[in-house]
């Protein structure tokens, strides 16, 4: 059986993610992802606090919230990027750069697996799912097995962690953001 176009795309995605992980290393790949997550959470939580301190050139409160959100994300990513580069330099200086890069390749392969599983879920919902290349893909059953593992055992653990830790934190952040936004808007409504 020959590889289909979809199979070659799967191989390209897996190869690209693994090579980029090898090139960048675990510190850059893993902490970079963490920096973006922290930036989003910080911006979501503190944009209501920063917005009132923005210049009057931002006329509406909504615009101030949007600018505050964007500024917090950019600031967090810049600071986080500096920290990640510093840690990467320290690891390279300590002689553990090779180990960092090997772990980066493993992380890249795991990231590729997650992307391929996501594609395996999404493609059947599109017209591509009806194409013969998709129907006769050699790698699709293997990706479906990985999907079963991720949505089975790991899915249960992630769902439990999400319900216990992420949802309560998100609710607190939403309440704090709503309170901060209402504090901004109330004085405007009273005028």
Protein backbone atom coordinates (compact mmCIF):
# COMPACT_ATOMS: atom_id res chain seq x y z
CA UNK A 1 0.00 0.00 0.00
CA UNK A 2 1.29 3.46 -0.90
CA UNK A 3 1.28 6.50 1.32
CA UNK A 4 -1.43 9.05 0.52
CA UNK A 5 -1.06 12.82 0.48
CA UNK A 6 -2.50 12.92 3.98
CA UNK A 7 0.13 10.44 5.17
CA UNK A 8 2.89 12.63 3.76
CA UNK A 9 1.37 15.66 5.52
CA UNK A 10 1.29 13.70 8.79
CA UNK A 11 4.95 12.74 8.34
CA UNK A 12 5.86 16.36 7.53
CA UNK A 13 4.08 17.67 10.64
CA UNK A 14 5.72 15.05 12.88
CA UNK A 15 9.14 15.66 11.36
CA UNK A 16 8.87 19.45 11.52
CA UNK A 17 7.73 19.51 15.16
CA UNK A 18 10.42 17.02 16.20
CA UNK A 19 13.22 18.83 14.36
CA UNK A 20 12.11 22.22 15.71
CA UNK A 21 11.98 20.76 19.21
CA UNK A 22 15.47 19.31 18.74
CA UNK A 23 16.75 22.64 17.42
CA UNK A 24 15.17 24.79 20.13
CA UNK A 25 15.39 22.45 23.11
CA UNK A 26 12.93 21.67 25.87
CA UNK A 27 13.54 24.92 27.73
CA UNK A 28 12.59 27.03 24.72
CA UNK A 29 9.70 24.81 23.59
CA UNK A 30 8.12 23.94 26.94
CA UNK A 31 8.68 27.19 28.78
CA UNK A 32 7.71 29.15 25.67
CA UNK A 33 4.32 27.46 25.74
CA UNK A 34 4.06 28.12 29.47
CA UNK A 35 4.93 31.81 28.95
CA UNK A 36 2.04 32.21 26.50
CA UNK A 37 -0.38 30.51 28.91
CA UNK A 38 0.75 32.72 31.80
CA UNK A 39 0.56 35.81 29.58
CA UNK A 40 -3.03 35.03 28.63
CA UNK A 41 -4.06 34.33 32.23
CA UNK A 42 -2.32 37.46 33.53
CA UNK A 43 -3.86 39.64 30.83
CA UNK A 44 -7.28 38.17 31.49
CA UNK A 45 -6.92 38.72 35.23
CA UNK A 46 -5.28 42.18 35.32
CA UNK A 47 -6.59 44.04 32.26
CA UNK A 48 -9.37 45.53 34.39
CA UNK A 49 -6.79 46.81 36.85
CA UNK A 50 -4.54 48.36 34.19
CA UNK A 51 -7.27 49.89 32.00
CA UNK A 52 -8.11 52.90 34.25
CA UNK A 53 -4.45 53.94 34.27
CA UNK A 54 -4.19 54.21 30.48
CA UNK A 55 -4.04 57.67 28.86
CA UNK A 56 -7.24 59.52 27.96
CA UNK A 57 -6.43 59.13 24.25
CA UNK A 58 -8.24 55.79 24.49
CA UNK A 59 -11.74 57.25 24.57
CA UNK A 60 -13.94 54.29 25.41
CA UNK A 61 -13.60 51.94 28.34
CA UNK A 62 -13.84 48.95 26.00
CA UNK A 63 -10.87 50.22 24.01
CA UNK A 64 -8.90 50.71 27.22
CA UNK A 65 -9.65 47.12 28.26
CA UNK A 66 -8.55 45.82 24.85
CA UNK A 67 -5.34 47.87 24.91
CA UNK A 68 -4.63 46.80 28.49
CA UNK A 69 -5.17 43.15 27.55
CA UNK A 70 -2.84 43.41 24.54
CA UNK A 71 -0.21 45.35 26.50
CA UNK A 72 -0.19 42.77 29.28
CA UNK A 73 0.20 39.89 26.83
CA UNK A 74 3.04 41.64 24.99
CA UNK A 75 4.76 42.57 28.25
CA UNK A 76 4.47 39.07 29.69
CA UNK A 77 5.74 37.47 26.48
CA UNK A 78 8.72 39.84 26.33
CA UNK A 79 9.66 39.26 29.98
CA UNK A 80 9.01 35.53 29.67
CA UNK A 81 11.10 35.36 26.49
CA UNK A 82 14.00 37.02 28.29
CA UNK A 83 13.71 34.53 31.17
CA UNK A 84 13.53 31.57 28.77
CA UNK A 85 16.61 32.78 26.84
CA UNK A 86 18.50 33.31 30.10
CA UNK A 87 17.64 29.81 31.34
CA UNK A 88 18.58 28.32 27.97
CA UNK A 89 21.95 30.10 28.09
CA UNK A 90 22.56 28.84 31.62
CA UNK A 91 21.76 25.26 30.60
CA UNK A 92 24.02 25.51 27.56
CA UNK A 93 26.79 26.99 29.74
CA UNK A 94 26.40 24.14 32.25
CA UNK A 95 27.02 21.63 29.47
CA UNK A 96 23.49 20.23 29.45
CA UNK A 97 22.58 21.72 26.07
CA UNK A 98 22.61 18.33 24.34
CA UNK A 99 20.26 16.82 26.90
CA UNK A 100 18.00 19.89 26.61
CA UNK A 101 17.84 19.44 22.83
CA UNK A 102 17.06 15.71 23.06
CA UNK A 103 14.23 16.44 25.50
CA UNK A 104 13.11 19.19 23.11
CA UNK A 105 12.82 16.60 20.34
CA UNK A 106 10.68 14.42 22.63
CA UNK A 107 8.50 17.42 23.45
CA UNK A 108 8.25 18.22 19.73
CA UNK A 109 7.15 14.66 18.99
CA UNK A 110 4.49 14.91 21.71
CA UNK A 111 3.35 18.24 20.30
CA UNK A 112 3.14 16.66 16.83
CA UNK A 113 1.06 13.82 18.26
CA UNK A 114 -1.36 16.33 19.79
CA UNK A 115 -1.63 18.20 16.47
CA UNK A 116 -2.21 14.98 14.53
CA UNK A 117 -4.88 13.83 16.99
CA UNK A 118 -6.58 17.21 16.63
CA UNK A 119 -6.48 16.85 12.84
CA UNK A 120 -7.91 13.35 13.18
CA UNK A 121 -10.86 14.84 15.04
CA UNK A 122 -11.39 17.85 12.76
CA UNK A 123 -10.78 16.46 9.25
CA UNK A 124 -13.76 14.04 9.26
CA UNK A 125 -16.01 17.07 9.94
CA UNK A 126 -14.85 18.72 6.71
CA UNK A 127 -15.12 17.74 3.04
CA UNK A 128 -11.54 16.42 3.30
CA UNK A 129 -12.90 13.53 5.37
CA UNK A 130 -14.69 12.21 2.28
CA UNK A 131 -11.58 12.19 0.10
CA UNK A 132 -10.12 8.82 -0.85
CA UNK A 133 -6.69 9.90 0.40
CA UNK A 134 -8.15 10.33 3.88
CA UNK A 135 -10.17 7.12 3.69
CA UNK A 136 -7.13 5.07 2.60
CA UNK A 137 -4.52 6.75 4.79
CA UNK A 138 -2.08 4.23 6.24
CA UNK A 139 -1.22 6.36 9.29
CA UNK A 140 -4.78 7.34 10.22
CA UNK A 141 -5.46 4.15 12.27
CA UNK A 142 -2.27 4.75 14.28
CA UNK A 143 -3.31 8.34 14.95
CA UNK A 144 -6.75 7.09 15.98
CA UNK A 145 -5.08 4.78 18.52
CA UNK A 146 -3.12 7.75 19.92
CA UNK A 147 -6.40 9.65 20.07
CA UNK A 148 -7.93 6.81 22.08
CA UNK A 149 -5.06 6.93 24.57
CA UNK A 150 -5.23 10.72 24.89
CA UNK A 151 -8.99 10.87 25.25
CA UNK A 152 -9.13 7.77 27.44
CA UNK A 153 -6.77 7.62 30.38
CA UNK A 154 -5.08 10.97 29.91
CA UNK A 155 -8.39 12.65 29.10
CA UNK A 156 -9.82 11.55 32.44
CA UNK A 157 -6.81 12.91 34.33
CA UNK A 158 -6.88 16.20 32.43
CA UNK A 159 -10.62 16.60 32.93
CA UNK A 160 -10.22 16.00 36.67
CA UNK A 161 -7.33 18.48 36.94
CA UNK A 162 -9.28 21.01 34.87
CA UNK A 163 -12.37 20.68 37.07
CA UNK A 164 -10.39 20.89 40.32
CA UNK A 165 -7.87 23.61 39.49
CA UNK A 166 -8.50 25.50 36.26
CA UNK A 167 -12.25 26.11 36.52
CA UNK A 168 -12.15 27.55 40.06
CA UNK A 169 -9.22 29.80 39.12
CA UNK A 170 -10.99 30.92 35.94
CA UNK A 171 -14.15 31.72 37.88
CA UNK A 172 -12.16 33.79 40.40
CA UNK A 173 -10.37 35.62 37.58
CA UNK A 174 -13.68 36.28 35.82
CA UNK A 175 -15.25 37.61 39.02
CA UNK A 176 -12.23 39.85 39.66
CA UNK A 177 -12.27 41.08 36.06
CA UNK A 178 -16.02 41.71 36.18
CA UNK A 179 -15.68 43.62 39.43
CA UNK A 180 -12.81 45.69 38.03
CA UNK A 181 -14.74 46.38 34.82
CA UNK A 182 -17.84 47.42 36.78
CA UNK A 183 -15.69 49.76 38.88
CA UNK A 184 -14.51 51.39 35.67
CA UNK A 185 -17.96 51.65 34.12
CA UNK A 186 -20.02 52.71 37.21
CA UNK A 187 -18.53 56.23 37.52
CA UNK A 188 -19.14 56.81 33.80
CA UNK A 189 -22.78 55.78 34.09
CA UNK A 190 -23.40 58.12 37.04
CA UNK A 191 -22.38 61.22 35.04
